[in-house]
PDB file of N, CA and C in Angstrom:
ATOM      1  N   UNK A   1     -80.185  76.860  55.957  1.00  0.00           N
ATOM      2  CA  UNK A   1     -81.369  75.749  54.920  1.00  0.00           C
ATOM      3  C   UNK A   1     -82.453  76.350  55.168  1.00  0.00           C
ATOM      4  N   UNK A   2     -83.241  76.223  53.499  1.00  0.00           N
ATOM      5  CA  UNK A   2     -84.476  76.154  53.684  1.00  0.00           C
ATOM      6  C   UNK A   2     -85.040  75.269  54.197  1.00  0.00           C
ATOM      7  N   UNK A   3     -84.623  74.139  54.229  1.00  0.00           N
ATOM      8  CA  UNK A   3     -85.394  72.649  54.788  1.00  0.00           C
ATOM      9  C   UNK A   3     -85.524  72.842  56.242  1.00  0.00           C
ATOM     10  N   UNK A   4     -84.256  73.333  56.609  1.00  0.00           N
ATOM     11  CA  UNK A   4     -84.526  73.416  58.428  1.00  0.00           C
ATOM     12  C   UNK A   4     -86.069  74.151  58.846  1.00  0.00           C
ATOM     13  N   UNK A   5     -86.257  74.899  58.046  1.00  0.00           N
ATOM     14  CA  UNK A   5     -87.641  76.192  58.488  1.00  0.00           C
ATOM     15  C   UNK A   5     -88.387  74.709  58.219  1.00  0.00           C
ATOM     16  N   UNK A   6     -88.867  73.861  57.613  1.00  0.00           N
ATOM     17  CA  UNK A   6     -89.494  73.008  57.269  1.00  0.00           C
ATOM     18  C   UNK A   6     -89.675  71.393  57.679  1.00  0.00           C
ATOM     19  N   UNK A   7     -88.974  71.855  59.307  1.00  0.00           N
ATOM     20  CA  UNK A   7     -88.664  70.117  59.305  1.00  0.00           C
ATOM     21  C   UNK A   7     -89.883  69.531  60.041  1.00  0.00           C
ATOM     22  N   UNK A   8     -91.190  70.205  60.495  1.00  0.00           N
ATOM     23  CA  UNK A   8     -92.229  69.641  60.829  1.00  0.00           C
ATOM     24  C   UNK A   8     -92.969  69.310  59.589  1.00  0.00           C
ATOM     25  N   UNK A   9     -92.729  70.229  58.351  1.00  0.00           N
ATOM     26  CA  UNK A   9     -94.020  69.690  57.058  1.00  0.00           C
ATOM     27  C   UNK A   9     -92.821  68.487  56.841  1.00  0.00           C
ATOM     28  N   UNK A  10     -91.643  68.344  56.920  1.00  0.00           N
ATOM     29  CA  UNK A  10     -90.933  67.145  56.233  1.00  0.00           C
ATOM     30  C   UNK A  10     -91.412  65.714  56.991  1.00  0.00           C
ATOM     31  N   UNK A  11     -91.473  65.805  58.245  1.00  0.00           N
ATOM     32  CA  UNK A  11     -92.358  64.903  59.252  1.00  0.00           C
ATOM     33  C   UNK A  11     -93.628  64.252  59.415  1.00  0.00           C
ATOM     34  N   UNK A  12     -94.375  65.461  58.492  1.00  0.00           N
ATOM     35  CA  UNK A  12     -95.481  65.089  58.417  1.00  0.00           C
ATOM     36  C   UNK A  12     -95.598  64.504  57.039  1.00  0.00           C
ATOM     37  N   UNK A  13     -94.945  64.984  55.863  1.00  0.00           N
ATOM     38  CA  UNK A  13     -94.647  64.455  54.508  1.00  0.00           C
ATOM     39  C   UNK A  13     -94.283  62.815  54.961  1.00  0.00           C
ATOM     40  N   UNK A  14     -93.264  62.694  55.653  1.00  0.00           N
ATOM     41  CA  UNK A  14     -92.989  61.396  55.653  1.00  0.00           C
ATOM     42  C   UNK A  14     -94.084  60.358  56.442  1.00  0.00           C
ATOM     43  N   UNK A  15     -94.616  60.900  57.265  1.00  0.00           N
ATOM     44  CA  UNK A  15     -95.352  60.087  57.980  1.00  0.00           C
ATOM     45  C   UNK A  15     -96.615  59.591  57.129  1.00  0.00           C
ATOM     46  N   UNK A  16     -96.987  60.908  56.387  1.00  0.00           N
ATOM     47  CA  UNK A  16     -98.068  60.432  55.769  1.00  0.00           C
ATOM     48  C   UNK A  16     -97.735  59.746  54.120  1.00  0.00           C
ATOM     49  N   UNK A  17     -96.711  59.540  53.762  1.00  0.00           N
ATOM     50  CA  UNK A  17     -95.953  58.808  53.053  1.00  0.00           C
ATOM     51  C   UNK A  17     -96.028  57.110  53.416  1.00  0.00           C
ATOM     52  N   UNK A  18     -95.484  57.074  54.882  1.00  0.00           N
ATOM     53  CA  UNK A  18     -95.602  55.709  55.571  1.00  0.00           C
ATOM     54  C   UNK A  18     -97.002  55.156  55.457  1.00  0.00           C
ATOM     55  N   UNK A  19     -97.997  56.033  55.896  1.00  0.00           N
ATOM     56  CA  UNK A  19     -99.810  55.863  56.209  1.00  0.00           C
ATOM     57  C   UNK A  19    -100.098  55.176  55.003  1.00  0.00           C
ATOM     58  N   UNK A  20     -99.789  56.123  53.714  1.00  0.00           N
ATOM     59  CA  UNK A  20    -100.625  55.431  52.467  1.00  0.00           C
ATOM     60  C   UNK A  20    -100.004  54.391  52.088  1.00  0.00           C
ATOM     61  N   UNK A  21     -98.512  53.775  52.284  1.00  0.00           N
ATOM     62  CA  UNK A  21     -97.807  52.776  52.094  1.00  0.00           C
ATOM     63  C   UNK A  21     -98.375  51.797  52.325  1.00  0.00           C
ATOM     64  N   UNK A  22     -98.903  51.922  54.028  1.00  0.00           N
ATOM     65  CA  UNK A  22     -99.355  50.592  54.906  1.00  0.00           C
ATOM     66  C   UNK A  22    -100.584  50.732  54.188  1.00  0.00           C
ATOM     67  N   UNK A  23    -101.351  51.448  53.721  1.00  0.00           N
ATOM     68  CA  UNK A  23    -103.069  51.483  53.647  1.00  0.00           C
ATOM     69  C   UNK A  23    -102.634  50.668  52.007  1.00  0.00           C
ATOM     70  N   UNK A  24    -102.066  51.175  51.274  1.00  0.00           N
ATOM     71  CA  UNK A  24    -101.965  50.563  49.814  1.00  0.00           C
ATOM     72  C   UNK A  24    -101.937  49.240  50.148  1.00  0.00           C
ATOM     73  N   UNK A  25    -100.765  48.199  50.672  1.00  0.00           N
ATOM     74  CA  UNK A  25    -100.140  47.129  51.182  1.00  0.00           C
ATOM     75  C   UNK A  25    -101.602  46.477  51.600  1.00  0.00           C
ATOM     76  N   UNK A  26    -102.359  47.178  52.740  1.00  0.00           N
ATOM     77  CA  UNK A  26    -103.338  46.506  53.383  1.00  0.00           C
ATOM     78  C   UNK A  26    -104.419  46.252  52.799  1.00  0.00           C
ATOM     79  N   UNK A  27    -104.728  47.236  51.670  1.00  0.00           N
ATOM     80  CA  UNK A  27    -105.584  47.419  50.511  1.00  0.00           C
ATOM     81  C   UNK A  27    -105.957  46.439  49.777  1.00  0.00           C
ATOM     82  N   UNK A  28    -104.355  46.040  48.955  1.00  0.00           N
ATOM     83  CA  UNK A  28    -104.400  44.872  48.257  1.00  0.00           C
ATOM     84  C   UNK A  28    -104.512  43.139  48.820  1.00  0.00           C
ATOM     85  N   UNK A  29    -104.437  43.324  50.381  1.00  0.00           N
ATOM     86  CA  UNK A  29    -104.631  42.076  50.815  1.00  0.00           C
ATOM     87  C   UNK A  29    -106.223  41.568  51.339  1.00  0.00           C
ATOM     88  N   UNK A  30    -106.971  42.712  50.999  1.00  0.00           N
ATOM     89  CA  UNK A  30    -108.651  42.805  51.049  1.00  0.00           C
ATOM     90  C   UNK A  30    -109.129  41.752  50.304  1.00  0.00           C
ATOM     91  N   UNK A  31    -110.608  41.382  51.040  1.00  0.00           N
ATOM     92  CA  UNK A  31    -111.216  40.104  49.978  1.00  0.00           C
ATOM     93  C   UNK A  31    -111.917  40.550  48.792  1.00  0.00           C
ATOM     94  N   UNK A  32    -112.206  42.066  49.123  1.00  0.00           N
ATOM     95  CA  UNK A  32    -112.564  42.450  47.880  1.00  0.00           C
ATOM     96  C   UNK A  32    -111.842  43.687  46.953  1.00  0.00           C
ATOM     97  N   UNK A  33    -110.798  43.081  46.455  1.00  0.00           N
ATOM     98  CA  UNK A  33    -109.424  44.060  45.833  1.00  0.00           C
ATOM     99  C   UNK A  33    -110.365  45.263  44.941  1.00  0.00           C
ATOM    100  N   UNK A  34    -111.160  44.790  44.111  1.00  0.00           N
ATOM    101  CA  UNK A  34    -111.837  45.555  43.044  1.00  0.00           C
ATOM    102  C   UNK A  34    -112.399  47.054  43.813  1.00  0.00           C
ATOM    103  N   UNK A  35    -113.046  46.343  44.899  1.00  0.00           N
ATOM    104  CA  UNK A  35    -113.731  47.747  45.520  1.00  0.00           C
ATOM    105  C   UNK A  35    -112.694  48.405  46.366  1.00  0.00           C
ATOM    106  N   UNK A  36    -111.424  48.249  46.391  1.00  0.00           N
ATOM    107  CA  UNK A  36    -110.439  49.305  47.048  1.00  0.00           C
ATOM    108  C   UNK A  36    -109.601  50.020  45.614  1.00  0.00           C
ATOM    109  N   UNK A  37    -109.836  49.502  44.455  1.00  0.00           N
ATOM    110  CA  UNK A  37    -109.122  49.910  43.183  1.00  0.00           C
ATOM    111  C   UNK A  37    -108.770  51.792  43.739  1.00  0.00           C
ATOM    112  N   UNK A  38    -110.008  52.593  43.521  1.00  0.00           N
ATOM    113  CA  UNK A  38    -109.435  53.681  43.825  1.00  0.00           C
ATOM    114  C   UNK A  38    -108.817  54.157  44.990  1.00  0.00           C
ATOM    115  N   UNK A  39    -109.100  53.443  46.096  1.00  0.00           N
ATOM    116  CA  UNK A  39    -107.957  53.789  47.382  1.00  0.00           C
ATOM    117  C   UNK A  39    -106.658  53.312  46.899  1.00  0.00           C
ATOM    118  N   UNK A  40    -106.133  52.539  46.015  1.00  0.00           N
ATOM    119  CA  UNK A  40    -105.008  52.174  45.791  1.00  0.00           C
ATOM    120  C   UNK A  40    -104.138  53.154  45.364  1.00  0.00           C
ATOM    121  N   UNK A  41    -105.324  53.182  44.604  1.00  0.00           N
ATOM    122  CA  UNK A  41    -104.579  54.559  43.298  1.00  0.00           C
ATOM    123  C   UNK A  41    -104.232  55.637  43.922  1.00  0.00           C
ATOM    124  N   UNK A  42    -104.863  56.162  44.825  1.00  0.00           N
ATOM    125  CA  UNK A  42    -104.573  57.679  45.414  1.00  0.00           C
ATOM    126  C   UNK A  42    -103.534  57.289  46.489  1.00  0.00           C
ATOM    127  N   UNK A  43    -103.510  55.956  47.387  1.00  0.00           N
ATOM    128  CA  UNK A  43    -102.612  55.847  47.912  1.00  0.00           C
ATOM    129  C   UNK A  43    -101.271  55.994  47.288  1.00  0.00           C
ATOM    130  N   UNK A  44    -101.043  55.418  46.294  1.00  0.00           N
ATOM    131  CA  UNK A  44     -99.882  55.105  45.696  1.00  0.00           C
ATOM    132  C   UNK A  44     -99.790  56.445  45.016  1.00  0.00           C
ATOM    133  N   UNK A  45    -100.383  57.169  44.552  1.00  0.00           N
ATOM    134  CA  UNK A  45    -100.665  59.285  44.177  1.00  0.00           C
ATOM    135  C   UNK A  45     -99.855  60.096  45.159  1.00  0.00           C
ATOM    136  N   UNK A  46    -100.678  59.200  46.340  1.00  0.00           N
ATOM    137  CA  UNK A  46    -100.313  60.761  47.243  1.00  0.00           C
ATOM    138  C   UNK A  46     -99.106  60.381  47.982  1.00  0.00           C
ATOM    139  N   UNK A  47     -98.552  58.852  47.915  1.00  0.00           N
ATOM    140  CA  UNK A  47     -96.939  58.745  48.538  1.00  0.00           C
ATOM    141  C   UNK A  47     -96.307  58.740  48.147  1.00  0.00           C
ATOM    142  N   UNK A  48     -96.234  58.553  46.350  1.00  0.00           N
ATOM    143  CA  UNK A  48     -95.384  59.164  45.566  1.00  0.00           C
ATOM    144  C   UNK A  48     -95.299  60.878  45.566  1.00  0.00           C
ATOM    145  N   UNK A  49     -96.322  61.866  45.824  1.00  0.00           N
ATOM    146  CA  UNK A  49     -96.170  62.966  45.762  1.00  0.00           C
ATOM    147  C   UNK A  49     -95.791  63.632  47.207  1.00  0.00           C
ATOM    148  N   UNK A  50     -96.081  63.053  48.174  1.00  0.00           N
ATOM    149  CA  UNK A  50     -95.115  63.317  49.563  1.00  0.00           C
ATOM    150  C   UNK A  50     -93.901  63.436  49.407  1.00  0.00           C
ATOM    151  N   UNK A  51     -93.357  61.708  48.689  1.00  0.00           N
ATOM    152  CA  UNK A  51     -91.827  61.542  48.687  1.00  0.00           C
ATOM    153  C   UNK A  51     -91.160  62.538  47.824  1.00  0.00           C
ATOM    154  N   UNK A  52     -91.971  62.979  46.578  1.00  0.00           N
ATOM    155  CA  UNK A  52     -91.094  63.829  45.808  1.00  0.00           C
ATOM    156  C   UNK A  52     -91.444  65.380  46.515  1.00  0.00           C
ATOM    157  N   UNK A  53     -92.229  65.529  47.184  1.00  0.00           N
ATOM    158  CA  UNK A  53     -91.944  67.312  47.940  1.00  0.00           C
ATOM    159  C   UNK A  53     -91.036  67.179  48.930  1.00  0.00           C
ATOM    160  N   UNK A  54     -90.949  66.078  49.895  1.00  0.00           N
ATOM    161  CA  UNK A  54     -89.751  65.810  51.025  1.00  0.00           C
ATOM    162  C   UNK A  54     -88.616  65.633  50.226  1.00  0.00           C
ATOM    163  N   UNK A  55     -88.168  65.462  49.034  1.00  0.00           N
ATOM    164  CA  UNK A  55     -86.723  65.496  48.235  1.00  0.00           C
ATOM    165  C   UNK A  55     -87.190  67.016  47.950  1.00  0.00           C
ATOM    166  N   UNK A  56     -87.958  67.903  47.140  1.00  0.00           N
ATOM    167  CA  UNK A  56     -87.675  68.810  47.009  1.00  0.00           C
ATOM    168  C   UNK A  56     -87.659  70.084  47.920  1.00  0.00           C
ATOM    169  N   UNK A  57     -88.005  69.677  48.961  1.00  0.00           N
ATOM    170  CA  UNK A  57     -87.603  70.378  50.268  1.00  0.00           C
ATOM    171  C   UNK A  57     -86.087  70.214  50.494  1.00  0.00           C
ATOM    172  N   UNK A  58     -85.526  69.633  50.502  1.00  0.00           N
ATOM    173  CA  UNK A  58     -84.220  68.770  51.090  1.00  0.00           C
ATOM    174  C   UNK A  58     -83.293  69.296  49.892  1.00  0.00           C
ATOM    175  N   UNK A  59     -83.329  69.704  49.091  1.00  0.00           N
ATOM    176  CA  UNK A  59     -82.976  70.126  47.946  1.00  0.00           C
ATOM    177  C   UNK A  59     -83.051  71.455  47.529  1.00  0.00           C
ATOM    178  N   UNK A  60     -83.824  72.524  48.378  1.00  0.00           N
ATOM    179  CA  UNK A  60     -84.321  73.500  48.071  1.00  0.00           C
ATOM    180  C   UNK A  60     -84.479  74.200  46.896  1.00  0.00           C
ATOM    181  N   UNK A  61     -85.485  72.995  46.584  1.00  0.00           N
ATOM    182  CA  UNK A  61     -86.151  73.540  45.147  1.00  0.00           C
ATOM    183  C   UNK A  61     -86.688  74.980  44.751  1.00  0.00           C
ATOM    184  N   UNK A  62     -86.790  75.112  43.905  1.00  0.00           N
ATOM    185  CA  UNK A  62     -87.459  76.770  43.810  1.00  0.00           C
ATOM    186  C   UNK A  62     -89.280  76.236  43.483  1.00  0.00           C
ATOM    187  N   UNK A  63     -89.840  75.015  43.588  1.00  0.00           N
ATOM    188  CA  UNK A  63     -90.789  74.974  43.431  1.00  0.00           C
ATOM    189  C   UNK A  63     -91.893  74.512  44.581  1.00  0.00           C
ATOM    190  N   UNK A  64     -91.074  75.006  46.001  1.00  0.00           N
ATOM    191  CA  UNK A  64     -92.371  73.931  47.132  1.00  0.00           C
ATOM    192  C   UNK A  64     -93.141  74.777  47.061  1.00  0.00           C
ATOM    193  N   UNK A  65     -93.096  75.632  46.929  1.00  0.00           N
ATOM    194  CA  UNK A  65     -95.026  75.735  47.275  1.00  0.00           C
ATOM    195  C   UNK A  65     -95.754  75.801  46.105  1.00  0.00           C
ATOM    196  N   UNK A  66     -95.150  75.323  45.040  1.00  0.00           N
ATOM    197  CA  UNK A  66     -96.481  74.987  44.519  1.00  0.00           C
ATOM    198  C   UNK A  66     -96.545  73.293  44.215  1.00  0.00           C
ATOM    199  N   UNK A  67     -95.616  72.477  44.789  1.00  0.00           N
ATOM    200  CA  UNK A  67     -95.624  71.092  44.728  1.00  0.00           C
ATOM    201  C   UNK A  67     -96.119  71.029  45.979  1.00  0.00           C
ATOM    202  N   UNK A  68     -96.354  72.063  47.258  1.00  0.00           N
ATOM    203  CA  UNK A  68     -97.013  71.898  48.108  1.00  0.00           C
ATOM    204  C   UNK A  68     -98.551  71.867  48.077  1.00  0.00           C
ATOM    205  N   UNK A  69     -98.554  72.917  46.811  1.00  0.00           N
ATOM    206  CA  UNK A  69    -100.397  72.971  46.996  1.00  0.00           C
ATOM    207  C   UNK A  69    -100.745  72.021  46.173  1.00  0.00           C
ATOM    208  N   UNK A  70     -99.941  71.394  44.791  1.00  0.00           N
ATOM    209  CA  UNK A  70    -100.309  70.209  44.593  1.00  0.00           C
ATOM    210  C   UNK A  70    -100.775  68.980  45.422  1.00  0.00           C
ATOM    211  N   UNK A  71     -99.586  68.734  46.549  1.00  0.00           N
ATOM    212  CA  UNK A  71     -99.654  67.662  47.134  1.00  0.00           C
ATOM    213  C   UNK A  71    -100.997  67.913  48.499  1.00  0.00           C
ATOM    214  N   UNK A  72    -101.326  68.959  48.545  1.00  0.00           N
ATOM    215  CA  UNK A  72    -102.362  69.419  49.459  1.00  0.00           C
ATOM    216  C   UNK A  72    -103.739  68.660  48.577  1.00  0.00           C
ATOM    217  N   UNK A  73    -103.636  68.819  47.963  1.00  0.00           N
ATOM    218  CA  UNK A  73    -104.770  68.223  46.570  1.00  0.00           C
ATOM    219  C   UNK A  73    -105.054  66.931  46.798  1.00  0.00           C
ATOM    220  N   UNK A  74    -103.708  66.290  46.179  1.00  0.00           N
ATOM    221  CA  UNK A  74    -104.123  65.151  46.401  1.00  0.00           C
ATOM    222  C   UNK A  74    -104.100  64.485  47.682  1.00  0.00           C
ATOM    223  N   UNK A  75    -103.205  64.734  49.024  1.00  0.00           N
ATOM    224  CA  UNK A  75    -103.537  64.036  50.174  1.00  0.00           C
ATOM    225  C   UNK A  75    -105.043  64.087  50.515  1.00  0.00           C
ATOM    226  N   UNK A  76    -105.733  65.491  50.287  1.00  0.00           N
ATOM    227  CA  UNK A  76    -107.063  65.676  50.380  1.00  0.00           C
ATOM    228  C   UNK A  76    -107.937  64.779  49.546  1.00  0.00           C
ATOM    229  N   UNK A  77    -107.437  64.211  48.726  1.00  0.00           N
ATOM    230  CA  UNK A  77    -108.430  63.329  47.594  1.00  0.00           C
ATOM    231  C   UNK A  77    -107.985  61.861  47.862  1.00  0.00           C
ATOM    232  N   UNK A  78    -106.757  61.567  48.645  1.00  0.00           N
ATOM    233  CA  UNK A  78    -106.874  60.444  49.002  1.00  0.00           C
ATOM    234  C   UNK A  78    -107.187  60.078  50.572  1.00  0.00           C
ATOM    235  N   UNK A  79    -107.326  61.261  51.204  1.00  0.00           N
ATOM    236  CA  UNK A  79    -107.768  61.375  52.725  1.00  0.00           C
ATOM    237  C   UNK A  79    -109.442  61.032  52.377  1.00  0.00           C
ATOM    238  N   UNK A  80    -110.224  61.822  51.564  1.00  0.00           N
ATOM    239  CA  UNK A  80    -111.524  61.829  51.100  1.00  0.00           C
ATOM    240  C   UNK A  80    -112.090  60.028  50.738  1.00  0.00           C
ATOM    241  N   UNK A  81    -110.906  59.632  49.843  1.00  0.00           N
ATOM    242  CA  UNK A  81    -111.416  58.024  49.498  1.00  0.00           C
ATOM    243  C   UNK A  81    -110.850  57.058  51.060  1.00  0.00           C
ATOM    244  N   UNK A  82    -110.518  57.486  51.598  1.00  0.00           N
ATOM    245  CA  UNK A  82    -109.855  56.555  52.782  1.00  0.00           C
ATOM    246  C   UNK A  82    -110.943  56.567  53.661  1.00  0.00           C
ATOM    247  N   UNK A  83    -111.075  57.394  53.992  1.00  0.00           N
ATOM    248  CA  UNK A  83    -112.547  57.692  55.048  1.00  0.00           C
ATOM    249  C   UNK A  83    -113.467  57.113  54.729  1.00  0.00           C
ATOM    250  N   UNK A  84    -113.752  56.789  53.483  1.00  0.00           N
ATOM    251  CA  UNK A  84    -115.221  55.668  53.163  1.00  0.00           C
ATOM    252  C   UNK A  84    -115.399  54.428  53.745  1.00  0.00           C
ATOM    253  N   UNK A  85    -114.096  53.976  53.548  1.00  0.00           N
ATOM    254  CA  UNK A  85    -113.504  52.349  53.918  1.00  0.00           C
ATOM    255  C   UNK A  85    -113.572  52.485  55.817  1.00  0.00           C
ATOM    256  N   UNK A  86    -114.057  51.328  56.207  1.00  0.00           N
ATOM    257  CA  UNK A  86    -113.818  51.347  57.685  1.00  0.00           C
ATOM    258  C   UNK A  86    -112.938  50.416  58.008  1.00  0.00           C
ATOM    259  N   UNK A  87    -112.284  50.005  56.881  1.00  0.00           N
ATOM    260  CA  UNK A  87    -110.646  49.492  57.727  1.00  0.00           C
ATOM    261  C   UNK A  87    -109.986  50.538  58.316  1.00  0.00           C
ATOM    262  N   UNK A  88    -109.545  49.793  58.966  1.00  0.00           N
ATOM    263  CA  UNK A  88    -108.107  51.078  60.458  1.00  0.00           C
ATOM    264  C   UNK A  88    -107.125  51.309  59.724  1.00  0.00           C
ATOM    265  N   UNK A  89    -106.754  50.664  58.313  1.00  0.00           N
ATOM    266  CA  UNK A  89    -105.432  50.996  57.659  1.00  0.00           C
ATOM    267  C   UNK A  89    -106.083  52.148  57.022  1.00  0.00           C
ATOM    268  N   UNK A  90    -107.473  51.816  56.761  1.00  0.00           N
ATOM    269  CA  UNK A  90    -107.859  53.075  56.055  1.00  0.00           C
ATOM    270  C   UNK A  90    -108.153  54.481  56.727  1.00  0.00           C
ATOM    271  N   UNK A  91    -108.418  54.477  57.896  1.00  0.00           N
ATOM    272  CA  UNK A  91    -109.097  55.694  58.690  1.00  0.00           C
ATOM    273  C   UNK A  91    -107.764  56.125  59.064  1.00  0.00           C
ATOM    274  N   UNK A  92    -106.814  55.522  58.920  1.00  0.00           N
ATOM    275  CA  UNK A  92    -105.449  55.692  60.077  1.00  0.00           C
ATOM    276  C   UNK A  92    -104.974  56.523  58.839  1.00  0.00           C
ATOM    277  N   UNK A  93    -104.900  55.936  57.191  1.00  0.00           N
ATOM    278  CA  UNK A  93    -104.489  57.149  56.296  1.00  0.00           C
ATOM    279  C   UNK A  93    -105.027  58.276  55.604  1.00  0.00           C
ATOM    280  N   UNK A  94    -106.114  58.034  55.954  1.00  0.00           N
ATOM    281  CA  UNK A  94    -107.356  59.238  56.100  1.00  0.00           C
ATOM    282  C   UNK A  94    -106.719  60.458  57.318  1.00  0.00           C
ATOM    283  N   UNK A  95    -106.478  59.881  58.223  1.00  0.00           N
ATOM    284  CA  UNK A  95    -106.233  60.891  59.034  1.00  0.00           C
ATOM    285  C   UNK A  95    -104.573  61.620  58.821  1.00  0.00           C
ATOM    286  N   UNK A  96    -104.118  60.732  58.144  1.00  0.00           N
ATOM    287  CA  UNK A  96    -102.512  61.316  57.911  1.00  0.00           C
ATOM    288  C   UNK A  96    -102.616  62.234  56.702  1.00  0.00           C
ATOM    289  N   UNK A  97    -103.484  61.415  55.767  1.00  0.00           N
ATOM    290  CA  UNK A  97    -103.529  62.834  54.619  1.00  0.00           C
ATOM    291  C   UNK A  97    -104.374  63.973  55.089  1.00  0.00           C
ATOM    292  N   UNK A  98    -105.096  64.086  55.897  1.00  0.00           N
ATOM    293  CA  UNK A  98    -106.097  65.552  56.086  1.00  0.00           C
ATOM    294  C   UNK A  98    -104.925  65.766  56.668  1.00  0.00           C
ATOM    295  N   UNK A  99    -104.260  65.571  57.793  1.00  0.00           N
ATOM    296  CA  UNK A  99    -103.051  66.467  58.288  1.00  0.00           C
ATOM    297  C   UNK A  99    -101.654  67.005  57.345  1.00  0.00           C
ATOM    298  N   UNK A 100    -101.464  65.948  56.797  1.00  0.00           N
ATOM    299  CA  UNK A 100    -100.446  66.451  55.801  1.00  0.00           C
ATOM    300  C   UNK A 100    -101.250  67.856  54.718  1.00  0.00           C
ATOM    301  N   UNK A 101    -102.009  67.303  54.475  1.00  0.00           N
ATOM    302  CA  UNK A 101    -102.946  68.414  53.589  1.00  0.00           C
ATOM    303  C   UNK A 101    -102.961  69.904  53.878  1.00  0.00           C
ATOM    304  N   UNK A 102    -103.670  69.882  55.293  1.00  0.00           N
ATOM    305  CA  UNK A 102    -103.155  70.763  56.071  1.00  0.00           C
ATOM    306  C   UNK A 102    -101.796  71.820  56.251  1.00  0.00           C
ATOM    307  N   UNK A 103    -101.001  70.808  56.298  1.00  0.00           N
ATOM    308  CA  UNK A 103     -99.402  71.176  56.498  1.00  0.00           C
ATOM    309  C   UNK A 103     -99.058  71.916  55.262  1.00  0.00           C
ATOM    310  N   UNK A 104     -99.144  70.872  54.180  1.00  0.00           N
ATOM    311  CA  UNK A 104     -99.229  71.362  52.914  1.00  0.00           C
ATOM    312  C   UNK A 104     -99.501  72.972  52.388  1.00  0.00           C
ATOM    313  N   UNK A 105    -101.227  73.198  52.591  1.00  0.00           N
ATOM    314  CA  UNK A 105    -101.430  74.114  52.596  1.00  0.00           C
ATOM    315  C   UNK A 105    -101.095  75.362  53.414  1.00  0.00           C
ATOM    316  N   UNK A 106    -100.689  75.186  54.452  1.00  0.00           N
ATOM    317  CA  UNK A 106     -99.399  76.352  55.275  1.00  0.00           C
ATOM    318  C   UNK A 106     -98.208  76.624  54.073  1.00  0.00           C
ATOM    319  N   UNK A 107     -97.539  75.585  53.549  1.00  0.00           N
ATOM    320  CA  UNK A 107     -96.723  76.129  53.130  1.00  0.00           C
ATOM    321  C   UNK A 107     -96.869  76.413  51.477  1.00  0.00           C
ATOM    322  N   UNK A 108     -97.853  76.610  50.802  1.00  0.00           N
ATOM    323  CA  UNK A 108     -98.330  76.665  49.833  1.00  0.00           C
ATOM    324  C   UNK A 108     -98.367  78.450  49.597  1.00  0.00           C
TER     325      UNK A 108
END
């Protein structure tokens, strides 16, 4: 099965999705939530795209390469936004996003 060749990518996607979900939740609890709006939006977008690509891989979609390219773009945008914030959850999310972006580029 094709998803067997993507085991590391699947793991990276899942870890990124989890980091984005944790960051999203933590950002909502920050004192100045308005300042975190872009981070929250990108966390959601990134988590959703990672989950979608993970599903596409496991169902052997014909569009994995194209979706991986889009996922890399979204992960980079999310990582760039998260790294602007000093919060630990944002820094961890940025790291996961940049790792995922690299893995997605390799699959694209």
